[in-house]
Amino acid sequence: MNKSLIATLALALSSTPVLAQVADPAAGTVQALNSGLLSIMRAGAGAGQAGRARAIAPVVDRTFDIALMTRLAVGPTWTTIAPADQTALVAAFRALTVAQYAKNFDSYGGESFTMVPQVETRGGDKLVRTAIVSKGSSEALNYRLRQSGGQWKIIDVYYRNAISQLATRRSEFARPLATGGARSLIAHLNQLAARPADGGVR
């Protein structure tokens, strides 16, 4: 697994194994994501980046509310964007999410996920606390979920308990939006998604 996952992307807890039965449906969503990530990690180089992307894409679709995440990351400007460009932005955000998982979860070295059994309620949302354990160290990966179509889906990821992925995205999106509008942001996201893995050392 790429070290940048632990350093920047991914982020000890009193926890239970990720494969344990979970009663809360929000925890079940996160468990499904973690299981999918372990699967592509084990597939590793043999599957190739494209193969890992194909494997994780349906998991991303089931566990993330990509449309809402895109709208929240874009911010108030969203309402001024043409519907066709909104659709293209959601597709580009999805492609980037899938690509980054395929790049960063690229090999398996005995990593595991743990999950705090108690799911916290935050207004109408839920917070599921997990950690990725690798070679004796762990990094927190917490998920905020919201109901969508009767299912609990991830709308934000917090690295090391504090760094909001949505807040980071919003900051990253600001410049392309300001300089070239939605089309510029779409091109930027697609360019990032197409960028090959950096080949970082484990």
Protein backbone atom coordinates (compact mmCIF):
# COMPACT_ATOMS: atom_id res chain seq x y z
CA MET A 1 0.00 0.00 0.00
CA ASN A 2 1.31 3.44 -0.96
CA LYS A 3 2.71 5.33 2.01
CA SER A 4 0.90 8.47 0.86
CA LEU A 5 -2.31 6.72 1.91
CA ILE A 6 -1.18 6.73 5.53
CA ALA A 7 0.61 10.05 5.32
CA THR A 8 -2.05 12.09 3.55
CA LEU A 9 -4.97 10.15 2.17
CA ALA A 10 -5.83 7.60 4.71
CA LEU A 11 -5.64 8.44 7.56
CA ALA A 12 -5.37 2.91 19.10
CA LEU A 13 -8.98 2.66 18.95
CA SER A 14 -11.08 0.48 21.25
CA SER A 15 -12.36 -1.52 18.34
CA THR A 16 -13.73 -4.66 16.76
CA PRO A 17 -12.54 -6.46 13.61
CA VAL A 18 -13.92 -4.96 10.41
CA LEU A 19 -15.48 -8.26 9.38
CA ALA A 20 -17.51 -8.59 12.58
CA GLN A 21 -21.26 -8.43 12.31
CA VAL A 22 -22.57 -4.88 12.69
CA ALA A 23 -26.06 -3.87 13.74
CA ASP A 24 -26.06 -0.23 12.65
CA PRO A 25 -26.63 0.18 8.89
CA ALA A 26 -24.22 3.15 8.78
CA ALA A 27 -21.47 0.91 10.15
CA GLY A 28 -22.44 -1.69 7.58
CA THR A 29 -21.79 0.83 4.80
CA VAL A 30 -18.30 1.53 6.10
CA GLN A 31 -17.65 -2.17 6.59
CA ALA A 32 -18.56 -2.76 2.93
CA LEU A 33 -16.07 -0.10 1.83
CA ASN A 34 -13.30 -1.52 4.00
CA SER A 35 -13.94 -5.02 2.70
CA GLY A 36 -13.74 -3.71 -0.86
CA LEU A 37 -10.47 -1.94 -0.13
CA LEU A 38 -8.96 -5.08 1.37
CA SER A 39 -10.02 -6.96 -1.74
CA ILE A 40 -8.21 -4.64 -4.15
CA MET A 41 -5.17 -4.50 -1.87
CA ARG A 42 -4.92 -8.28 -2.04
CA ALA A 43 -5.39 -8.16 -5.83
CA GLY A 44 -2.41 -5.80 -5.90
CA ALA A 45 -0.13 -5.43 -8.92
CA GLY A 46 -1.58 -8.54 -10.54
CA ALA A 47 -4.86 -6.71 -11.16
CA GLY A 48 -3.14 -3.54 -12.29
CA GLN A 49 -4.41 -0.06 -11.52
CA ALA A 50 -7.19 -0.37 -14.09
CA GLY A 51 -8.30 -3.71 -12.66
CA ARG A 52 -8.36 -2.36 -9.12
CA ALA A 53 -10.36 0.64 -10.34
CA ARG A 54 -12.94 -1.62 -11.99
CA ALA A 55 -13.23 -3.64 -8.79
CA ILE A 56 -13.62 -0.71 -6.40
CA ALA A 57 -15.89 1.44 -8.60
CA PRO A 58 -19.16 -0.38 -7.74
CA VAL A 59 -18.17 -0.32 -4.05
CA VAL A 60 -17.71 3.46 -4.25
CA ASP A 61 -21.11 3.77 -5.93
CA ARG A 62 -22.78 1.75 -3.15
CA THR A 63 -21.10 3.42 -0.21
CA PHE A 64 -20.60 7.10 -1.16
CA ASP A 65 -23.12 9.81 -2.00
CA ILE A 66 -20.90 11.18 -4.77
CA ALA A 67 -23.50 13.64 -6.05
CA LEU A 68 -23.94 15.28 -2.64
CA MET A 69 -20.19 15.27 -1.98
CA THR A 70 -19.57 17.03 -5.30
CA ARG A 71 -22.18 19.68 -4.54
CA LEU A 72 -20.82 20.28 -1.04
CA ALA A 73 -17.22 20.44 -2.31
CA VAL A 74 -18.13 22.98 -4.99
CA GLY A 75 -20.07 25.09 -2.49
CA PRO A 76 -22.52 27.94 -3.21
CA THR A 77 -21.29 28.22 -6.81
CA TRP A 78 -23.08 24.94 -7.51
CA THR A 79 -26.44 26.64 -8.04
CA THR A 80 -25.00 28.80 -10.83
CA ILE A 81 -23.60 25.86 -12.82
CA ALA A 82 -25.52 24.54 -15.81
CA PRO A 83 -27.15 21.11 -15.29
CA ALA A 84 -24.98 19.45 -17.94
CA ASP A 85 -21.85 20.72 -16.25
CA GLN A 86 -23.17 19.60 -12.85
CA THR A 87 -23.56 16.10 -14.27
CA ALA A 88 -20.05 16.21 -15.70
CA LEU A 89 -18.65 17.40 -12.37
CA VAL A 90 -20.26 14.51 -10.51
CA ALA A 91 -18.82 12.07 -13.04
CA ALA A 92 -15.36 13.63 -12.73
CA PHE A 93 -15.52 13.58 -8.93
CA ARG A 94 -16.48 9.90 -9.05
CA ALA A 95 -13.67 9.10 -11.46
CA LEU A 96 -11.16 10.84 -9.18
CA THR A 97 -12.43 9.01 -6.09
CA VAL A 98 -12.20 5.62 -7.80
CA ALA A 99 -8.77 6.38 -9.27
CA GLN A 100 -7.31 7.49 -5.96
CA TYR A 101 -8.45 4.35 -4.18
CA ALA A 102 -7.04 2.20 -6.99
CA LYS A 103 -3.71 4.04 -6.79
CA ASN A 104 -3.31 4.19 -3.04
CA PHE A 105 -4.60 0.75 -2.06
CA ASP A 106 -2.27 -1.03 -4.45
CA SER A 107 -0.77 -3.89 -2.42
CA TYR A 108 -1.29 -5.91 0.74
CA GLY A 109 1.15 -6.27 3.60
CA GLY A 110 -1.05 -7.59 6.37
CA GLU A 111 -3.07 -4.39 6.82
CA SER A 112 -6.43 -4.54 8.57
CA PHE A 113 -9.26 -2.22 9.52
CA THR A 114 -10.78 -1.79 12.95
CA MET A 115 -14.08 -0.19 13.84
CA VAL A 116 -15.43 1.38 17.02
CA PRO A 117 -18.71 -0.46 17.74
CA GLN A 118 -20.58 2.65 18.89
CA VAL A 119 -21.90 4.74 16.00
CA GLU A 120 -22.30 8.41 16.93
CA THR A 121 -25.27 10.55 15.87
CA ARG A 122 -24.52 14.08 14.68
CA GLY A 123 -27.77 15.84 13.93
CA GLY A 124 -29.28 13.85 11.09
CA ASP A 125 -25.94 12.28 10.23
CA LYS A 126 -23.92 9.44 11.72
CA LEU A 127 -20.21 9.17 12.46
CA VAL A 128 -18.41 5.84 12.17
CA ARG A 129 -14.91 5.70 13.63
CA THR A 130 -12.39 3.30 12.13
CA ALA A 131 -8.65 2.91 11.78
CA ILE A 132 -6.29 1.28 9.32
CA VAL A 133 -3.65 -0.83 11.03
CA SER A 134 -0.35 -1.40 9.25
CA LYS A 135 2.83 -2.92 10.66
CA GLY A 136 1.94 -2.14 14.25
CA SER A 137 0.78 1.45 13.70
CA SER A 138 -2.73 2.76 13.13
CA GLU A 139 -4.22 5.84 11.50
CA ALA A 140 -7.73 7.09 12.18
CA LEU A 141 -10.22 7.13 9.31
CA ASN A 142 -13.63 8.39 10.35
CA TYR A 143 -16.70 8.60 8.15
CA ARG A 144 -19.72 10.91 8.19
CA LEU A 145 -22.81 9.35 6.66
CA ARG A 146 -26.24 10.62 5.68
CA GLN A 147 -29.35 8.80 4.54
CA SER A 148 -29.98 8.85 0.80
CA GLY A 149 -32.72 6.81 -0.81
CA GLY A 150 -33.16 4.79 2.36
CA GLN A 151 -29.45 3.95 2.61
CA TRP A 152 -26.67 5.39 4.75
CA LYS A 153 -23.94 6.73 2.48
CA ILE A 154 -20.61 8.38 3.17
CA ILE A 155 -20.53 12.15 2.63
CA ASP A 156 -17.18 12.99 4.23
CA VAL A 157 -14.00 11.31 5.41
CA TYR A 158 -11.95 12.61 8.34
CA TYR A 159 -8.27 11.78 8.39
CA ARG A 160 -6.52 11.63 11.74
CA ASN A 161 -9.81 12.61 13.42
CA ALA A 162 -9.75 16.18 12.14
CA ILE A 163 -8.90 16.65 8.45
CA SER A 164 -12.13 16.81 6.44
CA GLN A 165 -11.84 15.53 2.90
CA LEU A 166 -14.70 17.80 1.84
CA ALA A 167 -13.01 20.87 3.31
CA THR A 168 -9.79 19.93 1.54
CA ARG A 169 -11.62 19.41 -1.74
CA ARG A 170 -13.43 22.73 -1.39
CA SER A 171 -10.10 24.49 -1.02
CA GLU A 172 -8.62 22.61 -3.98
CA PHE A 173 -11.63 23.35 -6.20
CA ALA A 174 -11.67 27.08 -5.51
CA ARG A 175 -8.88 28.08 -7.91
CA PRO A 176 -10.07 26.18 -11.02
CA LEU A 177 -13.60 27.45 -10.42
CA ALA A 178 -12.43 31.03 -10.01
CA THR A 179 -10.20 31.00 -13.09
CA GLY A 180 -12.22 28.95 -15.55
CA GLY A 181 -15.54 27.99 -14.03
CA ALA A 182 -17.06 24.52 -14.04
CA ARG A 183 -15.38 23.44 -17.28
CA SER A 184 -11.97 24.22 -15.82
CA LEU A 185 -12.74 22.21 -12.68
CA ILE A 186 -14.01 19.26 -14.74
CA ALA A 187 -10.78 19.22 -16.76
CA HIS A 188 -8.73 19.51 -13.56
CA LEU A 189 -10.49 16.56 -11.90
CA ASN A 190 -10.23 14.39 -15.01
CA GLN A 191 -6.53 15.21 -15.28
CA LEU A 192 -5.96 14.17 -11.67
CA ALA A 193 -7.92 10.95 -12.18
CA ALA A 194 -5.84 10.06 -15.26
CA ARG A 195 -2.51 10.71 -13.54
CA PRO A 196 -0.60 7.46 -12.93
CA ALA A 197 0.40 6.33 -9.47
CA ASP A 198 3.53 8.01 -8.15
CA GLY A 199 5.25 4.72 -7.43
CA GLY A 200 5.86 5.58 -3.80
CA VAL A 201 7.65 3.07 -1.59
CA ARG A 202 5.72 1.19 1.09
